[in-house]
Each structure stands twice: as structure tokens, then as C-alpha cells.
C-alpha atoms as a PDB file:
ATOM      1  CA  MET A   1      32.480 -12.632  31.746  1.00  0.00           C
ATOM      2  CA  ASN A   2      30.259 -13.736  34.592  1.00  0.00           C
ATOM      3  CA  LEU A   3      28.166 -10.845  35.886  1.00  0.00           C
ATOM      4  CA  ILE A   4      28.376 -12.112  39.491  1.00  0.00           C
ATOM      5  CA  THR A   5      32.099 -12.836  39.696  1.00  0.00           C
ATOM      6  CA  ASP A   6      33.300  -9.959  37.591  1.00  0.00           C
ATOM      7  CA  ASP A   7      34.596  -7.043  39.711  1.00  0.00           C
ATOM      8  CA  TRP A   8      33.602  -8.888  42.889  1.00  0.00           C
ATOM      9  CA  ARG A   9      35.839  -6.766  45.026  1.00  0.00           C
ATOM     10  CA  LEU A  10      34.153  -3.628  43.851  1.00  0.00           C
ATOM     11  CA  LYS A  11      30.744  -5.130  44.387  1.00  0.00           C
ATOM     12  CA  LEU A  12      31.680  -6.285  47.922  1.00  0.00           C
ATOM     13  CA  LEU A  13      32.876  -2.804  48.740  1.00  0.00           C
ATOM     14  CA  ALA A  14      29.600  -1.373  47.488  1.00  0.00           C
ATOM     15  CA  VAL A  15      27.602  -3.751  49.672  1.00  0.00           C
ATOM     16  CA  GLY A  16      29.708  -2.853  52.707  1.00  0.00           C
ATOM     17  CA  LEU A  17      29.242   0.835  52.074  1.00  0.00           C
ATOM     18  CA  ALA A  18      25.527   0.305  51.734  1.00  0.00           C
ATOM     19  CA  ILE A  19      25.404  -1.487  55.082  1.00  0.00           C
ATOM     20  CA  LEU A  20      27.439   1.268  56.723  1.00  0.00           C
ATOM     21  CA  MET A  21      25.147   3.914  55.283  1.00  0.00           C
ATOM     22  CA  LEU A  22      22.108   2.022  56.556  1.00  0.00           C
ATOM     23  CA  GLY A  23      23.662   1.709  60.011  1.00  0.00           C
ATOM     24  CA  ALA A  24      24.590   5.372  60.069  1.00  0.00           C
ATOM     25  CA  VAL A  25      21.036   6.357  59.201  1.00  0.00           C
ATOM     26  CA  ALA A  26      19.639   4.005  61.846  1.00  0.00           C
ATOM     27  CA  PHE A  27      22.148   5.255  64.478  1.00  0.00           C
ATOM     28  CA  SER A  28      21.277   8.842  63.700  1.00  0.00           C
ATOM     29  CA  GLN A  29      17.652   8.049  64.473  1.00  0.00           C
ATOM     30  CA  ASN A  30      18.419   5.929  67.598  1.00  0.00           C
ATOM     31  CA  PRO A  31      21.728   7.175  69.040  1.00  0.00           C
ATOM     32  CA  PRO A  32      23.299   5.869  72.251  1.00  0.00           C
ATOM     33  CA  THR A  33      22.563   8.203  75.193  1.00  0.00           C
ATOM     34  CA  GLN A  34      22.315   8.317  78.990  1.00  0.00           C
ATOM     35  CA  LYS A  35      19.591   9.041  81.526  1.00  0.00           C
ATOM     36  CA  THR A  36      19.593   9.853  85.273  1.00  0.00           C
ATOM     37  CA  LEU A  37      16.998   8.053  87.347  1.00  0.00           C
ATOM     38  CA  THR A  38      16.030   9.794  90.595  1.00  0.00           C
ATOM     39  CA  ASN A  39      14.607   8.327  93.812  1.00  0.00           C
ATOM     40  CA  VAL A  40      15.755   4.785  93.180  1.00  0.00           C
ATOM     41  CA  SER A  41      14.837   2.739  96.277  1.00  0.00           C
ATOM     42  CA  ILE A  42      17.685   1.157  98.243  1.00  0.00           C
ATOM     43  CA  GLY A  43      17.322  -2.342  99.661  1.00  0.00           C
ATOM     44  CA  TYR A  44      19.157  -3.773 102.669  1.00  0.00           C
ATOM     45  CA  THR A  45      20.335  -7.238 103.602  1.00  0.00           C
ATOM     46  CA  VAL A  46      21.327  -6.920 107.272  1.00  0.00           C
ATOM     47  CA  GLY A  47      22.910  -9.389 109.643  1.00  0.00           C
ATOM     48  CA  PRO A  48      20.921 -10.486 112.725  1.00  0.00           C
ATOM     49  CA  ASP A  49      22.967  -8.516 115.260  1.00  0.00           C
ATOM     50  CA  ILE A  50      23.335  -5.075 113.660  1.00  0.00           C
ATOM     51  CA  VAL A  51      21.115  -2.104 112.879  1.00  0.00           C
ATOM     52  CA  VAL A  52      21.757   0.857 110.550  1.00  0.00           C
ATOM     53  CA  ILE A  53      20.924   4.295 111.959  1.00  0.00           C
ATOM     54  CA  ASN A  54      19.536   6.902 109.542  1.00  0.00           C
ATOM     55  CA  PRO A  55      20.193   4.728 106.474  1.00  0.00           C
ATOM     56  CA  PRO A  56      19.768   6.293 103.024  1.00  0.00           C
ATOM     57  CA  THR A  57      16.553   5.112 101.394  1.00  0.00           C
ATOM     58  CA  LYS A  58      16.896   6.613  97.895  1.00  0.00           C
ATOM     59  CA  THR A  59      19.678   7.265  95.401  1.00  0.00           C
ATOM     60  CA  ASN A  60      20.198   8.616  91.879  1.00  0.00           C
ATOM     61  CA  VAL A  61      21.436   6.259  89.153  1.00  0.00           C
ATOM     62  CA  THR A  62      22.772   7.111  85.692  1.00  0.00           C
ATOM     63  CA  VAL A  63      22.108   4.517  82.951  1.00  0.00           C
ATOM     64  CA  THR A  64      23.266   4.326  79.335  1.00  0.00           C
ATOM     65  CA  GLY A  65      21.842   2.675  76.197  1.00  0.00           C
ATOM     66  CA  LEU A  66      20.134   3.400  72.902  1.00  0.00           C
ATOM     67  CA  ALA A  67      17.577   6.180  72.974  1.00  0.00           C
ATOM     68  CA  ASP A  68      14.710   3.797  72.185  1.00  0.00           C
ATOM     69  CA  ALA A  69      15.694   1.473  75.059  1.00  0.00           C
ATOM     70  CA  LEU A  70      15.890   4.361  77.544  1.00  0.00           C
ATOM     71  CA  THR A  71      12.478   5.753  76.646  1.00  0.00           C
ATOM     72  CA  SER A  72      10.577   3.466  79.007  1.00  0.00           C
ATOM     73  CA  VAL A  73      13.290   3.146  81.675  1.00  0.00           C
ATOM     74  CA  ASN A  74      12.362   4.492  85.130  1.00  0.00           C
ATOM     75  CA  SER A  75      13.488   4.118  88.765  1.00  0.00           C
ATOM     76  CA  SER A  76      12.042   0.597  88.930  1.00  0.00           C
ATOM     77  CA  SER A  77      14.218  -0.508  86.005  1.00  0.00           C
ATOM     78  CA  VAL A  78      17.285  -0.770  88.251  1.00  0.00           C
ATOM     79  CA  ALA A  79      17.996  -2.295  91.653  1.00  0.00           C
ATOM     80  CA  ALA A  80      20.240  -0.752  94.340  1.00  0.00           C
ATOM     81  CA  SER A  81      21.143  -2.609  97.521  1.00  0.00           C
ATOM     82  CA  PHE A  82      23.561  -2.998 100.425  1.00  0.00           C
ATOM     83  CA  ASP A  83      24.747  -6.414 101.564  1.00  0.00           C
ATOM     84  CA  LEU A  84      25.625  -5.910 105.248  1.00  0.00           C
ATOM     85  CA  THR A  85      25.651  -9.539 106.352  1.00  0.00           C
ATOM     86  CA  LYS A  86      29.364  -9.298 107.148  1.00  0.00           C
ATOM     87  CA  ALA A  87      29.452  -5.665 108.347  1.00  0.00           C
ATOM     88  CA  ALA A  88      30.643  -4.816 111.864  1.00  0.00           C
ATOM     89  CA  PRO A  89      29.202  -2.042 114.073  1.00  0.00           C
ATOM     90  CA  GLY A  90      30.795   1.395 113.900  1.00  0.00           C
ATOM     91  CA  PRO A  91      29.883   5.075 113.420  1.00  0.00           C
ATOM     92  CA  ASN A  92      31.593   5.336 109.996  1.00  0.00           C
ATOM     93  CA  VAL A  93      31.543   1.976 108.249  1.00  0.00           C
ATOM     94  CA  HIS A  94      32.685   1.956 104.600  1.00  0.00           C
ATOM     95  CA  VAL A  95      30.478  -0.254 102.432  1.00  0.00           C
ATOM     96  CA  ASN A  96      29.508  -0.537  98.767  1.00  0.00           C
ATOM     97  CA  LEU A  97      26.125   0.194  97.246  1.00  0.00           C
ATOM     98  CA  VAL A  98      25.648  -2.251  94.348  1.00  0.00           C
ATOM     99  CA  VAL A  99      23.451  -1.084  91.472  1.00  0.00           C
ATOM    100  CA  ARG A 100      22.357  -3.305  88.571  1.00  0.00           C
ATOM    101  CA  SER A 101      20.096  -2.924  85.568  1.00  0.00           C
ATOM    102  CA  LEU A 102      16.912  -4.965  85.250  1.00  0.00           C
ATOM    103  CA  THR A 103      16.378  -4.058  81.585  1.00  0.00           C
ATOM    104  CA  THR A 104      18.095  -5.667  78.580  1.00  0.00           C
ATOM    105  CA  GLY A 105      20.196  -3.221  76.578  1.00  0.00           C
ATOM    106  CA  VAL A 106      20.494  -0.757  79.475  1.00  0.00           C
ATOM    107  CA  GLN A 107      23.706  -0.475  81.459  1.00  0.00           C
ATOM    108  CA  VAL A 108      24.382   1.192  84.823  1.00  0.00           C
ATOM    109  CA  GLN A 109      27.148   3.767  84.588  1.00  0.00           C
ATOM    110  CA  ASN A 110      28.470   3.233  88.158  1.00  0.00           C
ATOM    111  CA  GLN A 111      27.631  -0.231  89.421  1.00  0.00           C
ATOM    112  CA  ILE A 112      29.622   0.100  92.666  1.00  0.00           C
ATOM    113  CA  VAL A 113      29.084   3.256  94.768  1.00  0.00           C
ATOM    114  CA  PRO A 114      31.158   3.597  97.992  1.00  0.00           C
ATOM    115  CA  GLN A 115      29.112   4.752 101.008  1.00  0.00           C
ATOM    116  CA  VAL A 116      29.651   5.410 104.723  1.00  0.00           C
ATOM    117  CA  LEU A 117      26.990   4.134 107.167  1.00  0.00           C
ATOM    118  CA  ASN A 118      26.344   4.437 110.902  1.00  0.00           C
ATOM    119  CA  ILE A 119      25.964   0.834 112.086  1.00  0.00           C
ATOM    120  CA  ASP A 120      25.141  -0.071 115.694  1.00  0.00           C
ATOM    121  CA  ARG A 121      24.713  -3.295 117.591  1.00  0.00           C
ATOM    122  CA  LEU A 122      21.101  -4.515 117.731  1.00  0.00           C
ATOM    123  CA  ALA A 123      19.967  -5.151 121.317  1.00  0.00           C
ATOM    124  CA  SER A 124      16.822  -5.622 123.412  1.00  0.00           C
ATOM    125  CA  ILE A 125      15.917  -4.174 126.811  1.00  0.00           C
ATOM    126  CA  THR A 126      12.888  -4.633 129.076  1.00  0.00           C
ATOM    127  CA  LEU A 127      11.640  -1.440 130.749  1.00  0.00           C
ATOM    128  CA  PRO A 128       9.030  -1.035 133.518  1.00  0.00           C
ATOM    129  CA  VAL A 129       6.368   1.554 132.627  1.00  0.00           C
ATOM    130  CA  THR A 130       5.917   4.468 135.033  1.00  0.00           C
ATOM    131  CA  VAL A 131       2.709   6.536 134.950  1.00  0.00           C
ATOM    132  CA  ARG A 132       3.182  10.302 135.230  1.00  0.00           C
ATOM    133  CA  THR A 133       0.436  12.815 136.077  1.00  0.00           C
ATOM    134  CA  GLN A 134       0.887  16.208 134.475  1.00  0.00           C
ATOM    135  CA  ARG A 135      -1.668  18.342 136.318  1.00  0.00           C
ATOM    136  CA  VAL A 136      -3.371  17.920 139.699  1.00  0.00           C
ATOM    137  CA  THR A 137      -6.108  20.301 140.832  1.00  0.00           C
ATOM    138  CA  SER A 138      -5.352  22.172 144.040  1.00  0.00           C
ATOM    139  CA  GLY A 139      -6.877  20.277 146.941  1.00  0.00           C
ATOM    140  CA  TRP A 140      -6.316  16.840 145.347  1.00  0.00           C
ATOM    141  CA  GLN A 141      -3.470  14.389 145.691  1.00  0.00           C
ATOM    142  CA  VAL A 142      -2.683  11.280 143.660  1.00  0.00           C
ATOM    143  CA  THR A 143      -2.612   8.151 145.839  1.00  0.00           C
ATOM    144  CA  LYS A 144      -1.961   5.477 143.189  1.00  0.00           C
ATOM    145  CA  THR A 145      -0.732   5.255 139.592  1.00  0.00           C
ATOM    146  CA  GLU A 146      -0.538   1.991 137.699  1.00  0.00           C
ATOM    147  CA  ALA A 147       0.278   0.949 134.137  1.00  0.00           C
ATOM    148  CA  ARG A 148      -1.504  -2.184 132.953  1.00  0.00           C
ATOM    149  CA  CYS A 149      -0.408  -4.480 130.128  1.00  0.00           C
ATOM    150  CA  PRO A 150      -0.092  -8.242 129.421  1.00  0.00           C
ATOM    151  CA  ILE A 151       3.117  -8.425 131.466  1.00  0.00           C
ATOM    152  CA  ALA A 152       2.756  -7.855 135.221  1.00  0.00           C
ATOM    153  CA  PRO A 153       4.237  -5.685 136.552  1.00  0.00           C
ATOM    154  CA  CYS A 154       3.676  -3.741 133.330  1.00  0.00           C
ATOM    155  CA  SER A 155       6.788  -3.459 131.165  1.00  0.00           C
ATOM    156  CA  VAL A 156       7.686  -3.012 127.501  1.00  0.00           C
ATOM    157  CA  VAL A 157      10.432  -4.483 125.337  1.00  0.00           C
ATOM    158  CA  PHE A 158      12.484  -2.091 123.196  1.00  0.00           C
ATOM    159  CA  ARG A 159      14.605  -3.598 120.403  1.00  0.00           C
ATOM    160  CA  GLY A 160      16.890  -1.219 118.579  1.00  0.00           C
ATOM    161  CA  PRO A 161      20.370   0.368 118.575  1.00  0.00           C
ATOM    162  CA  SER A 162      22.282  -0.393 121.754  1.00  0.00           C
ATOM    163  CA  THR A 163      23.395   3.254 122.082  1.00  0.00           C
ATOM    164  CA  TRP A 164      19.722   4.249 122.395  1.00  0.00           C
ATOM    165  CA  GLU A 165      19.251   2.011 125.443  1.00  0.00           C
ATOM    166  CA  SER A 166      21.658   3.713 127.849  1.00  0.00           C
ATOM    167  CA  ASN A 167      19.737   5.492 130.671  1.00  0.00           C
ATOM    168  CA  LEU A 168      16.462   4.674 128.935  1.00  0.00           C
ATOM    169  CA  ALA A 169      13.116   4.777 130.772  1.00  0.00           C
ATOM    170  CA  ALA A 170       9.504   4.153 129.739  1.00  0.00           C
ATOM    171  CA  PHE A 171       6.595   6.397 130.757  1.00  0.00           C
ATOM    172  CA  ALA A 172       2.865   6.660 130.147  1.00  0.00           C
ATOM    173  CA  ASP A 173       1.660  10.242 130.665  1.00  0.00           C
ATOM    174  CA  PHE A 174      -1.817  11.035 131.984  1.00  0.00           C
ATOM    175  CA  THR A 175      -2.526  14.423 130.395  1.00  0.00           C
ATOM    176  CA  ASP A 176      -5.955  15.256 131.869  1.00  0.00           C
ATOM    177  CA  VAL A 177      -6.368  17.215 135.091  1.00  0.00           C
ATOM    178  CA  VAL A 178      -6.657  15.011 138.182  1.00  0.00           C
ATOM    179  CA  GLN A 179      -9.750  16.206 140.053  1.00  0.00           C
ATOM    180  CA  GLN A 180     -11.758  13.094 140.889  1.00  0.00           C
ATOM    181  CA  ASN A 181     -11.312   9.806 142.741  1.00  0.00           C
ATOM    182  CA  SER A 182     -10.272   7.489 139.888  1.00  0.00           C
ATOM    183  CA  TYR A 183      -9.413   7.378 136.198  1.00  0.00           C
ATOM    184  CA  ASP A 184      -8.986   4.554 133.715  1.00  0.00           C
ATOM    185  CA  VAL A 185      -7.450   5.055 130.263  1.00  0.00           C
ATOM    186  CA  LEU A 186      -7.637   2.010 128.011  1.00  0.00           C
ATOM    187  CA  THR A 187      -4.875   3.037 125.595  1.00  0.00           C
ATOM    188  CA  GLN A 188      -2.011   5.422 126.250  1.00  0.00           C
ATOM    189  CA  GLN A 189       1.112   5.608 124.094  1.00  0.00           C
ATOM    190  CA  VAL A 190       4.374   4.653 125.794  1.00  0.00           C
ATOM    191  CA  LEU A 191       6.994   7.404 125.761  1.00  0.00           C
ATOM    192  CA  LEU A 192      10.685   6.472 125.899  1.00  0.00           C
ATOM    193  CA  VAL A 193      12.985   8.959 127.613  1.00  0.00           C
ATOM    194  CA  GLN A 194      16.783   8.880 127.457  1.00  0.00           C
ATOM    195  CA  ASN A 195      18.773  11.082 129.832  1.00  0.00           C
ATOM    196  CA  GLY A 196      15.675  13.182 130.484  1.00  0.00           C
ATOM    197  CA  GLN A 197      14.863  13.778 126.807  1.00  0.00           C
ATOM    198  CA  PRO A 198      12.177  12.014 124.718  1.00  0.00           C
ATOM    199  CA  LEU A 199      13.691   9.408 122.398  1.00  0.00           C
ATOM    200  CA  ASP A 200      12.780  10.174 118.777  1.00  0.00           C
ATOM    201  CA  LEU A 201      11.489   6.891 117.398  1.00  0.00           C
ATOM    202  CA  THR A 202      10.703   8.522 114.039  1.00  0.00           C
ATOM    203  CA  ARG A 203      14.411   8.337 113.182  1.00  0.00           C
ATOM    204  CA  ARG A 204      14.731   5.675 110.513  1.00  0.00           C
ATOM    205  CA  THR A 205      16.655   2.485 111.176  1.00  0.00           C
ATOM    206  CA  GLU A 206      17.203  -0.702 109.199  1.00  0.00           C
ATOM    207  CA  PRO A 207      15.652  -2.873 110.474  1.00  0.00           C
ATOM    208  CA  LEU A 208      12.975  -0.734 112.145  1.00  0.00           C
ATOM    209  CA  VAL A 209      13.023  -0.434 115.940  1.00  0.00           C
ATOM    210  CA  ILE A 210      10.405  -2.391 117.872  1.00  0.00           C
ATOM    211  CA  LEU A 211       8.507  -1.244 120.983  1.00  0.00           C
ATOM    212  CA  ASP A 212       6.248  -4.007 122.323  1.00  0.00           C
ATOM    213  CA  PRO A 213       3.618  -3.144 123.372  1.00  0.00           C
ATOM    214  CA  PRO A 214       3.570   0.429 122.004  1.00  0.00           C
ATOM    215  CA  SER A 215       0.729   1.439 124.349  1.00  0.00           C
ATOM    216  CA  VAL A 216      -0.623   0.457 127.767  1.00  0.00           C
ATOM    217  CA  ALA A 217      -3.668   1.041 129.943  1.00  0.00           C
ATOM    218  CA  ILE A 218      -3.529   3.530 132.838  1.00  0.00           C
ATOM    219  CA  HIS A 219      -5.261   3.417 136.228  1.00  0.00           C
ATOM    220  CA  ILE A 220      -5.114   6.384 138.625  1.00  0.00           C
ATOM    221  CA  GLU A 221      -6.602   6.891 142.077  1.00  0.00           C
ATOM    222  CA  ALA A 222      -6.789  10.224 143.902  1.00  0.00           C
ATOM    223  CA  LYS A 223      -8.385  11.822 146.938  1.00  0.00           C
ATOM    224  CA  THR A 224      -9.047  15.275 148.234  1.00  0.00           C
ATOM    225  CA  GLY A 225      -5.659  16.371 149.413  1.00  0.00           C
ATOM    226  CA  THR A 226      -6.753  18.952 151.972  1.00  0.00           C
ATOM    227  CA  THR A 227      -8.122  18.700 155.483  1.00  0.00           C
ATOM    228  CA  SER A 228      -8.917  21.130 158.278  1.00  0.00           C
ATOM    229  CA  ARG A 229      -8.131  21.568 161.953  1.00  0.00           C
ATOM    230  CA  GLN A 230      -8.734  24.154 164.648  1.00  0.00           C
ATOM    231  CA  VAL A 231      -5.759  25.963 166.141  1.00  0.00           C
ATOM    232  CA  THR A 232      -5.347  28.637 168.840  1.00  0.00           C
ATOM    233  CA  LEU A 233      -4.316  32.227 168.156  1.00  0.00           C
ATOM    234  CA  ILE A 234      -1.596  33.570 170.467  1.00  0.00           C
ATOM    235  CA  ASP A 235      -0.666  37.222 170.886  1.00  0.00           C
ATOM    236  CA  SER A 236       2.943  38.343 170.743  1.00  0.00           C
ATOM    237  CA  PRO A 237       4.518  40.560 173.428  1.00  0.00           C
ATOM    238  CA  PRO A 238       4.089  44.239 172.441  1.00  0.00           C
ATOM    239  CA  THR A 239       7.054  45.872 170.768  1.00  0.00           C
ATOM    240  CA  HIS A 240       6.714  48.690 173.359  1.00  0.00           C
ATOM    241  CA  GLY A 241       4.797  48.689 176.634  1.00  0.00           C
ATOM    242  CA  PRO A 242       2.160  51.256 177.778  1.00  0.00           C
ATOM    243  CA  ALA A 243       2.914  54.673 179.269  1.00  0.00           C
ATOM    244  CA  THR A 244       5.096  54.943 182.354  1.00  0.00           C
ATOM    245  CA  GLY A 245       3.127  53.984 185.466  1.00  0.00           C
ATOM    246  CA  PHE A 246       0.764  51.713 183.528  1.00  0.00           C
ATOM    247  CA  ARG A 247       0.763  48.017 182.845  1.00  0.00           C
ATOM    248  CA  VAL A 248      -1.114  45.398 180.812  1.00  0.00           C
ATOM    249  CA  THR A 249      -3.489  43.509 183.088  1.00  0.00           C
ATOM    250  CA  ASN A 250      -5.227  41.295 180.507  1.00  0.00           C
ATOM    251  CA  VAL A 251      -5.152  40.361 176.802  1.00  0.00           C
ATOM    252  CA  THR A 252      -8.203  39.193 174.868  1.00  0.00           C
ATOM    253  CA  VAL A 253      -7.990  37.655 171.385  1.00  0.00           C
ATOM    254  CA  ASP A 254     -11.164  37.430 169.313  1.00  0.00           C
ATOM    255  CA  PRO A 255     -11.562  34.879 167.874  1.00  0.00           C
ATOM    256  CA  ILE A 256      -9.422  32.767 170.148  1.00  0.00           C
ATOM    257  CA  THR A 257      -9.300  29.913 167.619  1.00  0.00           C
ATOM    258  CA  VAL A 258      -9.322  29.667 163.828  1.00  0.00           C
ATOM    259  CA  VAL A 259      -9.949  26.773 161.432  1.00  0.00           C
ATOM    260  CA  ILE A 260      -7.076  26.253 159.009  1.00  0.00           C
ATOM    261  CA  THR A 261      -7.161  24.160 155.819  1.00  0.00           C
ATOM    262  CA  GLY A 262      -4.316  22.587 153.871  1.00  0.00           C
ATOM    263  CA  VAL A 263      -2.542  19.363 153.007  1.00  0.00           C
ATOM    264  CA  PRO A 264      -2.414  16.904 155.920  1.00  0.00           C
ATOM    265  CA  ASP A 265       1.375  16.844 156.176  1.00  0.00           C
ATOM    266  CA  ALA A 266       1.536  20.626 156.568  1.00  0.00           C
ATOM    267  CA  LEU A 267      -1.359  20.792 159.032  1.00  0.00           C
ATOM    268  CA  ALA A 268       0.205  18.171 161.286  1.00  0.00           C
ATOM    269  CA  LYS A 269       3.013  20.602 162.133  1.00  0.00           C
ATOM    270  CA  ILE A 270       0.714  23.474 163.199  1.00  0.00           C
ATOM    271  CA  THR A 271      -0.898  23.658 166.665  1.00  0.00           C
ATOM    272  CA  THR A 272      -0.952  27.436 167.234  1.00  0.00           C
ATOM    273  CA  LEU A 273      -0.612  30.621 165.205  1.00  0.00           C
ATOM    274  CA  THR A 274       1.240  33.585 166.680  1.00  0.00           C
ATOM    275  CA  LEU A 275      -0.103  37.041 165.845  1.00  0.00           C
ATOM    276  CA  SER A 276       2.154  39.947 164.944  1.00  0.00           C
ATOM    277  CA  ALA A 277       3.309  42.209 167.789  1.00  0.00           C
ATOM    278  CA  VAL A 278       1.718  45.637 168.328  1.00  0.00           C
ATOM    279  CA  ASP A 279       3.007  48.904 169.819  1.00  0.00           C
ATOM    280  CA  LEU A 280       1.422  50.131 173.109  1.00  0.00           C
ATOM    281  CA  SER A 281       3.638  53.216 173.453  1.00  0.00           C
ATOM    282  CA  GLY A 282       1.819  55.986 175.427  1.00  0.00           C
ATOM    283  CA  ALA A 283      -1.285  53.888 176.134  1.00  0.00           C
ATOM    284  CA  THR A 284      -3.020  54.687 179.471  1.00  0.00           C
ATOM    285  CA  SER A 285      -6.305  52.849 178.859  1.00  0.00           C
ATOM    286  CA  ASN A 286      -7.654  49.769 177.151  1.00  0.00           C
ATOM    287  CA  LYS A 287      -6.674  49.484 173.498  1.00  0.00           C
ATOM    288  CA  THR A 288      -7.894  47.205 170.668  1.00  0.00           C
ATOM    289  CA  PHE A 289      -5.943  46.329 167.524  1.00  0.00           C
ATOM    290  CA  ARG A 290      -7.063  44.588 164.328  1.00  0.00           C
ATOM    291  CA  VAL A 291      -4.223  42.200 163.544  1.00  0.00           C
ATOM    292  CA  THR A 292      -3.963  40.376 160.216  1.00  0.00           C
ATOM    293  CA  ILE A 293      -3.478  36.634 160.689  1.00  0.00           C
ATOM    294  CA  THR A 294      -0.460  35.316 158.806  1.00  0.00           C
ATOM    295  CA  PHE A 295      -0.845  31.729 157.522  1.00  0.00           C
ATOM    296  CA  PRO A 296       1.988  29.444 156.373  1.00  0.00           C
ATOM    297  CA  ALA A 297       2.398  28.725 152.655  1.00  0.00           C
ATOM    298  CA  ASP A 298      -0.413  26.630 151.114  1.00  0.00           C
ATOM    299  CA  ILE A 299      -2.538  27.060 154.269  1.00  0.00           C
ATOM    300  CA  THR A 300      -5.792  29.047 154.409  1.00  0.00           C
ATOM    301  CA  GLY A 301      -7.908  30.105 157.389  1.00  0.00           C
ATOM    302  CA  SER A 302     -11.548  30.661 158.226  1.00  0.00           C
ATOM    303  CA  VAL A 303     -10.911  34.310 159.194  1.00  0.00           C
ATOM    304  CA  ALA A 304      -8.255  36.771 158.100  1.00  0.00           C
ATOM    305  CA  VAL A 305      -8.209  39.298 160.983  1.00  0.00           C
ATOM    306  CA  ALA A 306      -8.258  38.952 164.775  1.00  0.00           C
ATOM    307  CA  ASN A 307      -9.151  41.653 167.332  1.00  0.00           C
ATOM    308  CA  VAL A 308      -6.561  41.863 170.121  1.00  0.00           C
ATOM    309  CA  THR A 309      -7.640  43.933 173.158  1.00  0.00           C
ATOM    310  CA  TYR A 310      -5.156  44.987 175.856  1.00  0.00           C
ATOM    311  CA  ALA A 311      -6.560  45.909 179.287  1.00  0.00           C
ATOM    312  CA  ILE A 312      -4.307  48.661 180.657  1.00  0.00           C
ATOM    313  CA  SER A 313      -4.343  49.833 184.301  1.00  0.00           C
ATOM    314  CA  ALA A 314      -2.240  52.155 186.473  1.00  0.00           C
ATOM    315  CA  ASN A 315       0.403  50.467 188.535  1.00  0.00           C
ATOM    316  CA  PRO A 316      -0.607  50.075 192.227  1.00  0.00           C
ATOM    317  CA  ASN A 317       0.753  52.803 194.571  1.00  0.00           C
ATOM    318  CA  ALA A 318       1.945  54.767 191.566  1.00  0.00           C
ATOM    319  CA  SER A 319       1.863  58.549 191.930  1.00  0.00           C
ATOM    320  CA  PRO A 320      -0.982  60.045 189.944  1.00  0.00           C
ATOM    321  CA  PRO A 321       0.104  61.975 186.912  1.00  0.00           C
ATOM    322  CA  PRO A 322       0.321  65.788 187.286  1.00  0.00           C
ATOM    323  CA  GLY A 323      -3.132  67.366 187.388  1.00  0.00           C
ATOM    324  CA  GLY A 324      -4.657  63.980 188.324  1.00  0.00           C
END
């Protein structure tokens, strides 16, 4: 008999078993397994007229493959991305995150991951920049504020979600104390305010919002906001007159005038100051009172107290008092 052809079936079976044994040993040393990759970056392909608000930037991906193939696999071995070229704006838009492997022999467990995104319309708006002063020293008033930038009058262009542009305003805040004639700040960040609240531009969008220019120059002019003028002090009629049979024949106010200081608009309304009334009940001779001068709000005076002297005499032809 031929040694090769004799019992060929048995020999073929033996070879097959040998191959299976070899494969089993190899598989036991390099079994198929899976691995979760964290912080896989997400890419975006966005249409020209939309913007994603607070888009996810990272995701976790589970991959499968032989143990040896997965040893060197990391978050850069896969690609995750959204294709939003045909997406329409809306607060809850259902889209698919597509994940694919970049490594031979490694498969992604879930290649399509449903997601919900907040998609807005992308729009631009031009905003004039208003300069705000935070603190002004008493006695000073701001006469001019001006923002300066390449566009005159100074304005900025904001490009971002259309819902962020409703009731939007641009400001440049001067934070130092105003207490001299002029100030010039070369660079001051522009602050966007929506409905009275600062707009948080750190919120992520895809694509990123644009504020152009992000800063402007500031010019401020100021002058001393107070002035002075001299006004007359006037006595008030006494709350009660002197004793029966006596009368006031003269009133002397010392000083007769006082210098007041305040903002021009307030001073323009003041020509005299009326002193508080006094009580002359029972008085039969001259009497002097020290009367505190009351000044209007935000007005000061050169003196705080006035002396008011009342000359008191007996009425003519009046009967002398008993014992007189």
C-alpha cells in the first residue's frame, strides 16, 4: 500500500484536528474582547446658516477586536462626527452621531448613536458701543463719553445664535473712579448685555460666536460738578409772639447771607434760605436765638448756624404792667 494514500481520511481528520488545536491555543492567548474609549472628540460639519448651542464635544465609544489589536487602541483610533449640512433650526433636533474605526481589525460596537441637539439660526447684528462710568467722585460730573474703534460711530458686529440677539446691547465699562478732566483707555473689552443681563459668551457653540472687534478704546471728559453762589437768609414768623403789650420792632439775622455749594442745576433753583421759626412767648425785651441753617439735599453752606435777634418793645400807649 501507498503510505500517503492509505487511510487518507484518517490522516485528513488528524490534520484538521491539529489545525483546530493550534487555533484554539492561539485564540486562548489572543481572545476577542472589547474596550471602552473615553473622551473621544466629536467633529461637526455645519451648514452656513445654523449654529449649535452647547454642543457635546466628547463621547465614549466601545470597540471590539482581538486583544492584541486593542492593546494600542486609544481615543484617536476612532472618529465621531455629526453631519448637520441638512439640519433645520430647532430646540430639540434629532440627529445621528456617526462613529467609525480608524484601525484595521477593530470594530465600533455602535456606529450610529441618536442624539438631540439645540440648533439655532446663525445671524449677524451691528451694535453701537455705549461707554458706562461706574463711579464718579462727589463734586465731579461726566461731560462726554466716547467709544473709539475702526468704525465711526463706534460699533461692533456680533455673529451668533439669533435668539441671543434679541434686546442685545454693547457696552464698554470704565471701572476707575472719575476724578479728573479726561481719561483715555486704549483697550477695553466690549460687554454684551441682553435684557439687562450680561450675555455669557463662554457658552460653547458650533461654530464659535464672533464679536468684532472684541475691544474698543474709551475717551472720557469730566469737570468739577459743583459751583457756589451767595444767597440771603430769611427769618420765619415766630410760632408765638412776645408777651401781651409788647411787639417785635426789628429782626436782625447774622450773617445775612451764606455761600452755598452744590451741583449747578440744584443751585439755580435757590435764591434764599428760610430759617426755622422760633417761639417768643413771654418775651418783654430783646431776644437772640441760634438757629441751625437747613440746606437742601446735596447742598452745603459756608456756615451752619445763624444768630437771629428780635428787638422787642412795649406797645405805644399801653398800660404799664402792675408794679411798673
